Amino acid sequence: MVENITETAEKKLKSRIRKFKKVLKDEAEKDKFFDQLGASVEIFLPTKNPEKQGDSIIFYTTAEGKIIDAEYSYNEGEENFKSIPIVDKDLDILTEVFKSNFVLE
């Protein structure tokens, strides 16, 4: 089963590289591609014992960097994991905290 996912991943990467080459050569393809693109930025927060516990904030953005969603993630190992959506009021606070070190909107 692992070999199948590896083959699939390799084929998908080759397909993506072909697409990136088209994007480089054709302005219309480039516009179409970037209109569909988004990104996420995860900020890992400091903890006293990172081997046993971790938390982070994940910002989801448009291609231009405009934040469209965010979530807080907390884990105590692979089996004890929880993500919680961050609401607008709290998102405003986080944007303000991180704006001097990160360019987020």
PDB file of N, CA and C in Angstrom:
ATOM      1  N   MET A   1       0.823  -1.198   0.000  1.00  0.00           N
ATOM      2  CA  MET A   1       0.000   0.000   0.000  1.00  0.00           C
ATOM      3  C   MET A   1       0.865   1.260   0.000  1.00  0.00           C
ATOM      4  N   VAL A   2       1.967   1.269   0.741  1.00  0.00           N
ATOM      5  CA  VAL A   2       2.848   2.431   0.794  1.00  0.00           C
ATOM      6  C   VAL A   2       3.434   2.718  -0.578  1.00  0.00           C
ATOM      7  N   GLU A   3       3.802   1.659  -1.322  1.00  0.00           N
ATOM      8  CA  GLU A   3       4.356   1.867  -2.658  1.00  0.00           C
ATOM      9  C   GLU A   3       3.344   2.540  -3.572  1.00  0.00           C
ATOM     10  N   ASN A   4       2.076   2.201  -3.429  1.00  0.00           N
ATOM     11  CA  ASN A   4       1.046   2.825  -4.258  1.00  0.00           C
ATOM     12  C   ASN A   4       0.937   4.322  -3.985  1.00  0.00           C
ATOM     13  N   ILE A   5       0.985   4.710  -2.722  1.00  0.00           N
ATOM     14  CA  ILE A   5       0.893   6.130  -2.398  1.00  0.00           C
ATOM     15  C   ILE A   5       2.151   6.856  -2.855  1.00  0.00           C
ATOM     16  N   THR A   6       3.290   6.185  -2.794  1.00  0.00           N
ATOM     17  CA  THR A   6       4.538   6.781  -3.271  1.00  0.00           C
ATOM     18  C   THR A   6       4.474   7.005  -4.771  1.00  0.00           C
ATOM     19  N   GLU A   7       4.006   6.006  -5.510  1.00  0.00           N
ATOM     20  CA  GLU A   7       3.858   6.150  -6.963  1.00  0.00           C
ATOM     21  C   GLU A   7       2.878   7.266  -7.300  1.00  0.00           C
ATOM     22  N   THR A   8       1.774   7.289  -6.597  1.00  0.00           N
ATOM     23  CA  THR A   8       0.765   8.322  -6.830  1.00  0.00           C
ATOM     24  C   THR A   8       1.343   9.704  -6.553  1.00  0.00           C
ATOM     25  N   ALA A   9       2.081   9.839  -5.448  1.00  0.00           N
ATOM     26  CA  ALA A   9       2.687  11.134  -5.107  1.00  0.00           C
ATOM     27  C   ALA A   9       3.701  11.554  -6.169  1.00  0.00           C
ATOM     28  N   GLU A  10       4.510  10.631  -6.660  1.00  0.00           N
ATOM     29  CA  GLU A  10       5.499  10.954  -7.693  1.00  0.00           C
ATOM     30  C   GLU A  10       4.820  11.388  -8.988  1.00  0.00           C
ATOM     31  N   LYS A  11       3.753  10.693  -9.383  1.00  0.00           N
ATOM     32  CA  LYS A  11       3.007  11.071 -10.595  1.00  0.00           C
ATOM     33  C   LYS A  11       2.370  12.450 -10.427  1.00  0.00           C
ATOM     34  N   LYS A  12       1.820  12.705  -9.253  1.00  0.00           N
ATOM     35  CA  LYS A  12       1.177  13.999  -8.993  1.00  0.00           C
ATOM     36  C   LYS A  12       2.203  15.123  -9.029  1.00  0.00           C
ATOM     37  N   LEU A  13       3.388  14.896  -8.458  1.00  0.00           N
ATOM     38  CA  LEU A  13       4.435  15.901  -8.499  1.00  0.00           C
ATOM     39  C   LEU A  13       4.835  16.208  -9.943  1.00  0.00           C
ATOM     40  N   LYS A  14       5.003  15.184 -10.773  1.00  0.00           N
ATOM     41  CA  LYS A  14       5.349  15.396 -12.186  1.00  0.00           C
ATOM     42  C   LYS A  14       4.259  16.205 -12.884  1.00  0.00           C
ATOM     43  N   SER A  15       3.003  15.902 -12.579  1.00  0.00           N
ATOM     44  CA  SER A  15       1.889  16.649 -13.155  1.00  0.00           C
ATOM     45  C   SER A  15       1.935  18.116 -12.716  1.00  0.00           C
ATOM     46  N   ARG A  16       2.209  18.343 -11.443  1.00  0.00           N
ATOM     47  CA  ARG A  16       2.301  19.719 -10.937  1.00  0.00           C
ATOM     48  C   ARG A  16       3.453  20.474 -11.586  1.00  0.00           C
ATOM     49  N   ILE A  17       4.589  19.818 -11.779  1.00  0.00           N
ATOM     50  CA  ILE A  17       5.735  20.462 -12.423  1.00  0.00           C
ATOM     51  C   ILE A  17       5.379  20.861 -13.855  1.00  0.00           C
ATOM     52  N   ARG A  18       4.665  19.993 -14.575  1.00  0.00           N
ATOM     53  CA  ARG A  18       4.215  20.352 -15.939  1.00  0.00           C
ATOM     54  C   ARG A  18       3.326  21.595 -15.895  1.00  0.00           C
ATOM     55  N   LYS A  19       2.431  21.642 -14.898  1.00  0.00           N
ATOM     56  CA  LYS A  19       1.541  22.797 -14.734  1.00  0.00           C
ATOM     57  C   LYS A  19       2.353  24.060 -14.431  1.00  0.00           C
ATOM     58  N   PHE A  20       3.351  23.956 -13.546  1.00  0.00           N
ATOM     59  CA  PHE A  20       4.186  25.112 -13.216  1.00  0.00           C
ATOM     60  C   PHE A  20       4.927  25.622 -14.456  1.00  0.00           C
ATOM     61  N   LYS A  21       5.368  24.709 -15.319  1.00  0.00           N
ATOM     62  CA  LYS A  21       6.044  25.113 -16.551  1.00  0.00           C
ATOM     63  C   LYS A  21       5.090  25.899 -17.449  1.00  0.00           C
ATOM     64  N   LYS A  22       3.821  25.455 -17.533  1.00  0.00           N
ATOM     65  CA  LYS A  22       2.813  26.191 -18.309  1.00  0.00           C
ATOM     66  C   LYS A  22       2.592  27.582 -17.722  1.00  0.00           C
ATOM     67  N   VAL A  23       2.552  27.647 -16.401  1.00  0.00           N
ATOM     68  CA  VAL A  23       2.346  28.925 -15.706  1.00  0.00           C
ATOM     69  C   VAL A  23       3.470  29.898 -16.036  1.00  0.00           C
ATOM     70  N   LEU A  24       4.691  29.391 -16.115  1.00  0.00           N
ATOM     71  CA  LEU A  24       5.837  30.246 -16.439  1.00  0.00           C
ATOM     72  C   LEU A  24       5.790  30.765 -17.871  1.00  0.00           C
ATOM     73  N   LYS A  25       5.211  29.997 -18.777  1.00  0.00           N
ATOM     74  CA  LYS A  25       5.224  30.339 -20.203  1.00  0.00           C
ATOM     75  C   LYS A  25       4.011  31.146 -20.659  1.00  0.00           C
ATOM     76  N   ASP A  26       2.905  31.055 -19.938  1.00  0.00           N
ATOM     77  CA  ASP A  26       1.649  31.630 -20.420  1.00  0.00           C
ATOM     78  C   ASP A  26       1.014  32.503 -19.342  1.00  0.00           C
ATOM     79  N   GLU A  27       0.883  33.790 -19.635  1.00  0.00           N
ATOM     80  CA  GLU A  27       0.335  34.747 -18.659  1.00  0.00           C
ATOM     81  C   GLU A  27      -1.104  34.414 -18.263  1.00  0.00           C
ATOM     82  N   ALA A  28      -1.912  33.917 -19.208  1.00  0.00           N
ATOM     83  CA  ALA A  28      -3.294  33.542 -18.894  1.00  0.00           C
ATOM     84  C   ALA A  28      -3.327  32.358 -17.924  1.00  0.00           C
ATOM     85  N   GLU A  29      -2.451  31.381 -18.159  1.00  0.00           N
ATOM     86  CA  GLU A  29      -2.344  30.238 -17.241  1.00  0.00           C
ATOM     87  C   GLU A  29      -1.894  30.696 -15.855  1.00  0.00           C
ATOM     88  N   LYS A  30      -0.987  31.647 -15.828  1.00  0.00           N
ATOM     89  CA  LYS A  30      -0.481  32.182 -14.564  1.00  0.00           C
ATOM     90  C   LYS A  30      -1.609  32.852 -13.780  1.00  0.00           C
ATOM     91  N   ASP A  31      -2.388  33.697 -14.458  1.00  0.00           N
ATOM     92  CA  ASP A  31      -3.512  34.371 -13.803  1.00  0.00           C
ATOM     93  C   ASP A  31      -4.521  33.360 -13.270  1.00  0.00           C
ATOM     94  N   LYS A  32      -4.861  32.376 -14.088  1.00  0.00           N
ATOM     95  CA  LYS A  32      -5.824  31.345 -13.698  1.00  0.00           C
ATOM     96  C   LYS A  32      -5.319  30.569 -12.482  1.00  0.00           C
ATOM     97  N   PHE A  33      -4.035  30.207 -12.495  1.00  0.00           N
ATOM     98  CA  PHE A  33      -3.439  29.447 -11.398  1.00  0.00           C
ATOM     99  C   PHE A  33      -3.463  30.242 -10.094  1.00  0.00           C
ATOM    100  N   PHE A  34      -3.011  31.484 -10.124  1.00  0.00           N
ATOM    101  CA  PHE A  34      -2.921  32.274  -8.895  1.00  0.00           C
ATOM    102  C   PHE A  34      -4.283  32.715  -8.371  1.00  0.00           C
ATOM    103  N   ASP A  35      -5.304  32.761  -9.225  1.00  0.00           N
ATOM    104  CA  ASP A  35      -6.648  33.055  -8.748  1.00  0.00           C
ATOM    105  C   ASP A  35      -7.182  31.940  -7.845  1.00  0.00           C
ATOM    106  N   GLN A  36      -6.682  30.732  -8.040  1.00  0.00           N
ATOM    107  CA  GLN A  36      -7.150  29.575  -7.275  1.00  0.00           C
ATOM    108  C   GLN A  36      -6.272  29.271  -6.059  1.00  0.00           C
ATOM    109  N   LEU A  37      -5.165  29.952  -5.938  1.00  0.00           N
ATOM    110  CA  LEU A  37      -4.153  29.611  -4.933  1.00  0.00           C
ATOM    111  C   LEU A  37      -4.452  30.212  -3.575  1.00  0.00           C
ATOM    112  N   GLY A  38      -4.113  29.481  -2.550  1.00  0.00           N
ATOM    113  CA  GLY A  38      -4.185  29.953  -1.174  1.00  0.00           C
ATOM    114  C   GLY A  38      -2.968  29.429  -0.434  1.00  0.00           C
ATOM    115  N   ALA A  39      -2.805  29.835   0.804  1.00  0.00           N
ATOM    116  CA  ALA A  39      -1.653  29.388   1.581  1.00  0.00           C
ATOM    117  C   ALA A  39      -2.043  29.278   3.050  1.00  0.00           C
ATOM    118  N   SER A  40      -1.213  28.582   3.797  1.00  0.00           N
ATOM    119  CA  SER A  40      -1.388  28.560   5.244  1.00  0.00           C
ATOM    120  C   SER A  40      -0.034  28.787   5.897  1.00  0.00           C
ATOM    121  N   VAL A  41      -0.086  29.442   7.037  1.00  0.00           N
ATOM    122  CA  VAL A  41       1.108  29.719   7.822  1.00  0.00           C
ATOM    123  C   VAL A  41       0.833  29.202   9.221  1.00  0.00           C
ATOM    124  N   GLU A  42       1.704  28.325   9.703  1.00  0.00           N
ATOM    125  CA  GLU A  42       1.536  27.799  11.056  1.00  0.00           C
ATOM    126  C   GLU A  42       2.625  28.374  11.948  1.00  0.00           C
ATOM    127  N   ILE A  43       2.218  28.928  13.069  1.00  0.00           N
ATOM    128  CA  ILE A  43       3.147  29.487  14.037  1.00  0.00           C
ATOM    129  C   ILE A  43       3.115  28.587  15.263  1.00  0.00           C
ATOM    130  N   PHE A  44       4.251  27.957  15.536  1.00  0.00           N
ATOM    131  CA  PHE A  44       4.363  27.079  16.693  1.00  0.00           C
ATOM    132  C   PHE A  44       4.703  27.922  17.917  1.00  0.00           C
ATOM    133  N   LEU A  45       3.909  27.772  18.946  1.00  0.00           N
ATOM    134  CA  LEU A  45       4.068  28.571  20.154  1.00  0.00           C
ATOM    135  C   LEU A  45       5.035  27.879  21.116  1.00  0.00           C
ATOM    136  N   PRO A  46       5.813  28.665  21.878  1.00  0.00           N
ATOM    137  CA  PRO A  46       6.771  28.054  22.805  1.00  0.00           C
ATOM    138  C   PRO A  46       6.053  27.317  23.941  1.00  0.00           C
ATOM    139  N   THR A  47       6.609  26.170  24.324  1.00  0.00           N
ATOM    140  CA  THR A  47       6.061  25.387  25.434  1.00  0.00           C
ATOM    141  C   THR A  47       7.199  24.942  26.348  1.00  0.00           C
ATOM    142  N   LYS A  48       6.859  24.620  27.586  1.00  0.00           N
ATOM    143  CA  LYS A  48       7.865  24.184  28.551  1.00  0.00           C
ATOM    144  C   LYS A  48       8.383  22.786  28.225  1.00  0.00           C
ATOM    145  N   ASN A  49       7.548  21.952  27.658  1.00  0.00           N
ATOM    146  CA  ASN A  49       7.936  20.579  27.367  1.00  0.00           C
ATOM    147  C   ASN A  49       7.460  20.185  25.962  1.00  0.00           C
ATOM    148  N   PRO A  50       8.153  20.625  24.915  1.00  0.00           N
ATOM    149  CA  PRO A  50       7.679  20.399  23.547  1.00  0.00           C
ATOM    150  C   PRO A  50       7.628  18.926  23.127  1.00  0.00           C
ATOM    151  N   GLU A  51       8.322  18.046  23.834  1.00  0.00           N
ATOM    152  CA  GLU A  51       8.260  16.620  23.501  1.00  0.00           C
ATOM    153  C   GLU A  51       6.912  16.005  23.886  1.00  0.00           C
ATOM    154  N   LYS A  52       6.248  16.606  24.864  1.00  0.00           N
ATOM    155  CA  LYS A  52       4.991  16.043  25.367  1.00  0.00           C
ATOM    156  C   LYS A  52       3.758  16.860  24.996  1.00  0.00           C
ATOM    157  N   GLN A  53       3.948  18.136  24.717  1.00  0.00           N
ATOM    158  CA  GLN A  53       2.792  19.010  24.478  1.00  0.00           C
ATOM    159  C   GLN A  53       3.189  20.106  23.506  1.00  0.00           C
ATOM    160  N   GLY A  54       2.274  20.456  22.611  1.00  0.00           N
ATOM    161  CA  GLY A  54       2.523  21.539  21.680  1.00  0.00           C
ATOM    162  C   GLY A  54       1.243  22.243  21.299  1.00  0.00           C
ATOM    163  N   ASP A  55       1.382  23.489  20.904  1.00  0.00           N
ATOM    164  CA  ASP A  55       0.230  24.217  20.374  1.00  0.00           C
ATOM    165  C   ASP A  55       0.704  25.193  19.312  1.00  0.00           C
ATOM    166  N   SER A  56      -0.224  25.536  18.442  1.00  0.00           N
ATOM    167  CA  SER A  56       0.119  26.421  17.330  1.00  0.00           C
ATOM    168  C   SER A  56      -1.111  27.159  16.852  1.00  0.00           C
ATOM    169  N   ILE A  57      -0.853  28.174  16.054  1.00  0.00           N
ATOM    170  CA  ILE A  57      -1.907  28.929  15.383  1.00  0.00           C
ATOM    171  C   ILE A  57      -1.670  28.779  13.888  1.00  0.00           C
ATOM    172  N   ILE A  58      -2.716  28.438  13.169  1.00  0.00           N
ATOM    173  CA  ILE A  58      -2.624  28.280  11.720  1.00  0.00           C
ATOM    174  C   ILE A  58      -3.482  29.357  11.071  1.00  0.00           C
ATOM    175  N   PHE A  59      -2.838  30.180  10.228  1.00  0.00           N
ATOM    176  CA  PHE A  59      -3.543  31.207   9.462  1.00  0.00           C
ATOM    177  C   PHE A  59      -3.714  30.702   8.033  1.00  0.00           C
ATOM    178  N   TYR A  60      -4.910  30.793   7.492  1.00  0.00           N
ATOM    179  CA  TYR A  60      -5.181  30.442   6.099  1.00  0.00           C
ATOM    180  C   TYR A  60      -5.371  31.749   5.332  1.00  0.00           C
ATOM    181  N   THR A  61      -4.674  31.870   4.196  1.00  0.00           N
ATOM    182  CA  THR A  61      -4.687  33.131   3.460  1.00  0.00           C
ATOM    183  C   THR A  61      -4.990  32.929   1.985  1.00  0.00           C
ATOM    184  N   THR A  62      -5.318  34.042   1.338  1.00  0.00           N
ATOM    185  CA  THR A  62      -5.404  34.080  -0.121  1.00  0.00           C
ATOM    186  C   THR A  62      -3.979  34.185  -0.660  1.00  0.00           C
ATOM    187  N   ALA A  63      -3.833  34.120  -1.966  1.00  0.00           N
ATOM    188  CA  ALA A  63      -2.508  34.254  -2.582  1.00  0.00           C
ATOM    189  C   ALA A  63      -1.877  35.611  -2.273  1.00  0.00           C
ATOM    190  N   GLU A  64      -2.708  36.620  -2.025  1.00  0.00           N
ATOM    191  CA  GLU A  64      -2.204  37.963  -1.722  1.00  0.00           C
ATOM    192  C   GLU A  64      -1.801  38.112  -0.254  1.00  0.00           C
ATOM    193  N   GLY A  65      -2.074  37.104   0.576  1.00  0.00           N
ATOM    194  CA  GLY A  65      -1.712  37.170   1.979  1.00  0.00           C
ATOM    195  C   GLY A  65      -2.830  37.638   2.899  1.00  0.00           C
ATOM    196  N   LYS A  66      -4.021  37.811   2.380  1.00  0.00           N
ATOM    197  CA  LYS A  66      -5.166  38.233   3.194  1.00  0.00           C
ATOM    198  C   LYS A  66      -5.664  37.032   4.003  1.00  0.00           C
ATOM    199  N   ILE A  67      -5.717  37.174   5.321  1.00  0.00           N
ATOM    200  CA  ILE A  67      -6.175  36.085   6.183  1.00  0.00           C
ATOM    201  C   ILE A  67      -7.674  35.885   5.983  1.00  0.00           C
ATOM    202  N   ILE A  68      -8.061  34.641   5.692  1.00  0.00           N
ATOM    203  CA  ILE A  68      -9.471  34.332   5.496  1.00  0.00           C
ATOM    204  C   ILE A  68     -10.018  33.408   6.585  1.00  0.00           C
ATOM    205  N   ASP A  69      -9.122  32.770   7.339  1.00  0.00           N
ATOM    206  CA  ASP A  69      -9.547  31.856   8.395  1.00  0.00           C
ATOM    207  C   ASP A  69      -8.345  31.559   9.280  1.00  0.00           C
ATOM    208  N   ALA A  70      -8.604  31.069  10.492  1.00  0.00           N
ATOM    209  CA  ALA A  70      -7.517  30.693  11.396  1.00  0.00           C
ATOM    210  C   ALA A  70      -8.024  29.654  12.381  1.00  0.00           C
ATOM    211  N   GLU A  71      -7.091  28.883  12.922  1.00  0.00           N
ATOM    212  CA  GLU A  71      -7.451  27.915  13.950  1.00  0.00           C
ATOM    213  C   GLU A  71      -6.302  27.753  14.946  1.00  0.00           C
ATOM    214  N   TYR A  72      -6.678  27.338  16.148  1.00  0.00           N
ATOM    215  CA  TYR A  72      -5.721  27.033  17.204  1.00  0.00           C
ATOM    216  C   TYR A  72      -5.648  25.518  17.307  1.00  0.00           C
ATOM    217  N   SER A  73      -4.440  24.970  17.365  1.00  0.00           N
ATOM    218  CA  SER A  73      -4.261  23.525  17.498  1.00  0.00           C
ATOM    219  C   SER A  73      -3.490  23.226  18.768  1.00  0.00           C
ATOM    220  N   TYR A  74      -3.964  22.223  19.486  1.00  0.00           N
ATOM    221  CA  TYR A  74      -3.325  21.783  20.722  1.00  0.00           C
ATOM    222  C   TYR A  74      -3.132  20.282  20.643  1.00  0.00           C
ATOM    223  N   ASN A  75      -1.954  19.789  21.063  1.00  0.00           N
ATOM    224  CA  ASN A  75      -1.756  18.345  21.054  1.00  0.00           C
ATOM    225  C   ASN A  75      -0.896  17.892  22.218  1.00  0.00           C
ATOM    226  N   GLU A  76      -1.205  16.691  22.635  1.00  0.00           N
ATOM    227  CA  GLU A  76      -0.419  15.974  23.644  1.00  0.00           C
ATOM    228  C   GLU A  76      -0.067  14.619  23.050  1.00  0.00           C
ATOM    229  N   GLY A  77       0.566  14.633  21.887  1.00  0.00           N
ATOM    230  CA  GLY A  77       0.872  13.413  21.155  1.00  0.00           C
ATOM    231  C   GLY A  77      -0.089  13.244  19.989  1.00  0.00           C
ATOM    232  N   GLU A  78       0.180  12.256  19.161  1.00  0.00           N
ATOM    233  CA  GLU A  78      -0.618  12.055  17.948  1.00  0.00           C
ATOM    234  C   GLU A  78      -2.081  11.728  18.218  1.00  0.00           C
ATOM    235  N   GLU A  79      -2.356  11.064  19.333  1.00  0.00           N
ATOM    236  CA  GLU A  79      -3.721  10.630  19.612  1.00  0.00           C
ATOM    237  C   GLU A  79      -4.542  11.653  20.391  1.00  0.00           C
ATOM    238  N   ASN A  80      -3.901  12.611  20.997  1.00  0.00           N
ATOM    239  CA  ASN A  80      -4.583  13.659  21.757  1.00  0.00           C
ATOM    240  C   ASN A  80      -4.357  14.988  21.069  1.00  0.00           C
ATOM    241  N   PHE A  81      -5.220  15.277  20.102  1.00  0.00           N
ATOM    242  CA  PHE A  81      -5.067  16.458  19.250  1.00  0.00           C
ATOM    243  C   PHE A  81      -6.420  17.134  19.087  1.00  0.00           C
ATOM    244  N   LYS A  82      -6.425  18.462  19.151  1.00  0.00           N
ATOM    245  CA  LYS A  82      -7.671  19.213  18.966  1.00  0.00           C
ATOM    246  C   LYS A  82      -7.397  20.520  18.253  1.00  0.00           C
ATOM    247  N   SER A  83      -8.218  20.849  17.256  1.00  0.00           N
ATOM    248  CA  SER A  83      -8.174  22.149  16.575  1.00  0.00           C
ATOM    249  C   SER A  83      -9.468  22.895  16.865  1.00  0.00           C
ATOM    250  N   ILE A  84      -9.324  24.187  17.116  1.00  0.00           N
ATOM    251  CA  ILE A  84     -10.474  25.029  17.439  1.00  0.00           C
ATOM    252  C   ILE A  84     -10.441  26.248  16.523  1.00  0.00           C
ATOM    253  N   PRO A  85     -11.557  26.564  15.841  1.00  0.00           N
ATOM    254  CA  PRO A  85     -11.587  27.773  15.003  1.00  0.00           C
ATOM    255  C   PRO A  85     -11.374  29.022  15.847  1.00  0.00           C
ATOM    256  N   ILE A  86     -10.704  30.004  15.267  1.00  0.00           N
ATOM    257  CA  ILE A  86     -10.486  31.281  15.941  1.00  0.00           C
ATOM    258  C   ILE A  86     -11.499  32.282  15.392  1.00  0.00           C
ATOM    259  N   VAL A  87     -12.269  32.890  16.285  1.00  0.00           N
ATOM    260  CA  VAL A  87     -13.322  33.825  15.880  1.00  0.00           C
ATOM    261  C   VAL A  87     -12.738  35.197  15.571  1.00  0.00           C
ATOM    262  N   ASP A  88     -13.521  36.035  14.908  1.00  0.00           N
ATOM    263  CA  ASP A  88     -13.060  37.338  14.408  1.00  0.00           C
ATOM    264  C   ASP A  88     -12.401  38.208  15.467  1.00  0.00           C
ATOM    265  N   LYS A  89     -13.016  38.327  16.636  1.00  0.00           N
ATOM    266  CA  LYS A  89     -12.467  39.183  17.690  1.00  0.00           C
ATOM    267  C   LYS A  89     -11.076  38.698  18.103  1.00  0.00           C
ATOM    268  N   ASP A  90     -10.925  37.402  18.318  1.00  0.00           N
ATOM    269  CA  ASP A  90      -9.627  36.836  18.694  1.00  0.00           C
ATOM    270  C   ASP A  90      -8.640  36.897  17.533  1.00  0.00           C
ATOM    271  N   LEU A  91      -9.137  36.751  16.321  1.00  0.00           N
ATOM    272  CA  LEU A  91      -8.274  36.840  15.142  1.00  0.00           C
ATOM    273  C   LEU A  91      -7.678  38.238  15.023  1.00  0.00           C
ATOM    274  N   ASP A  92      -8.459  39.254  15.331  1.00  0.00           N
ATOM    275  CA  ASP A  92      -7.940  40.632  15.315  1.00  0.00           C
ATOM    276  C   ASP A  92      -6.788  40.798  16.305  1.00  0.00           C
ATOM    277  N   ILE A  93      -6.919  40.200  17.490  1.00  0.00           N
ATOM    278  CA  ILE A  93      -5.861  40.279  18.506  1.00  0.00           C
ATOM    279  C   ILE A  93      -4.600  39.584  18.006  1.00  0.00           C
ATOM    280  N   LEU A  94      -4.752  38.388  17.445  1.00  0.00           N
ATOM    281  CA  LEU A  94      -3.588  37.642  16.947  1.00  0.00           C
ATOM    282  C   LEU A  94      -2.902  38.365  15.791  1.00  0.00           C
ATOM    283  N   THR A  95      -3.669  38.940  14.906  1.00  0.00           N
ATOM    284  CA  THR A  95      -3.092  39.693  13.797  1.00  0.00           C
ATOM    285  C   THR A  95      -2.258  40.853  14.329  1.00  0.00           C
ATOM    286  N   GLU A  96      -2.776  41.541  15.331  1.00  0.00           N
ATOM    287  CA  GLU A  96      -2.055  42.663  15.936  1.00  0.00           C
ATOM    288  C   GLU A  96      -0.766  42.195  16.613  1.00  0.00           C
ATOM    289  N   VAL A  97      -0.828  41.079  17.341  1.00  0.00           N
ATOM    290  CA  VAL A  97       0.353  40.561  18.053  1.00  0.00           C
ATOM    291  C   VAL A  97       1.472  40.217  17.074  1.00  0.00           C
ATOM    292  N   PHE A  98       1.148  39.552  15.984  1.00  0.00           N
ATOM    293  CA  PHE A  98       2.172  39.039  15.080  1.00  0.00           C
ATOM    294  C   PHE A  98       2.564  39.984  13.948  1.00  0.00           C
ATOM    295  N   LYS A  99       1.878  41.103  13.789  1.00  0.00           N
ATOM    296  CA  LYS A  99       2.136  41.948  12.622  1.00  0.00           C
ATOM    297  C   LYS A  99       3.519  42.600  12.616  1.00  0.00           C
ATOM    298  N   SER A 100       4.138  42.780  13.764  1.00  0.00           N
ATOM    299  CA  SER A 100       5.468  43.398  13.767  1.00  0.00           C
ATOM    300  C   SER A 100       6.557  42.423  13.318  1.00  0.00           C
ATOM    301  N   ASN A 101       6.293  41.113  13.390  1.00  0.00           N
ATOM    302  CA  ASN A 101       7.270  40.116  12.999  1.00  0.00           C
ATOM    303  C   ASN A 101       6.893  39.334  11.752  1.00  0.00           C
ATOM    304  N   PHE A 102       5.619  39.351  11.404  1.00  0.00           N
ATOM    305  CA  PHE A 102       5.117  38.641  10.237  1.00  0.00           C
ATOM    306  C   PHE A 102       4.215  39.581   9.463  1.00  0.00           C
ATOM    307  N   VAL A 103       4.200  39.467   8.148  1.00  0.00           N
ATOM    308  CA  VAL A 103       3.296  40.282   7.352  1.00  0.00           C
ATOM    309  C   VAL A 103       2.014  39.488   7.146  1.00  0.00           C
ATOM    310  N   LEU A 104       0.998  39.806   7.953  1.00  0.00           N
ATOM    311  CA  LEU A 104      -0.306  39.164   7.887  1.00  0.00           C
ATOM    312  C   LEU A 104      -1.370  40.244   7.835  1.00  0.00           C
ATOM    313  N   GLU A 105      -2.448  39.971   7.125  1.00  0.00           N
ATOM    314  CA  GLU A 105      -3.559  40.924   7.039  1.00  0.00           C
ATOM    315  C   GLU A 105      -4.831  40.286   7.551  1.00  0.00           C
TER     316      GLU A 105
END
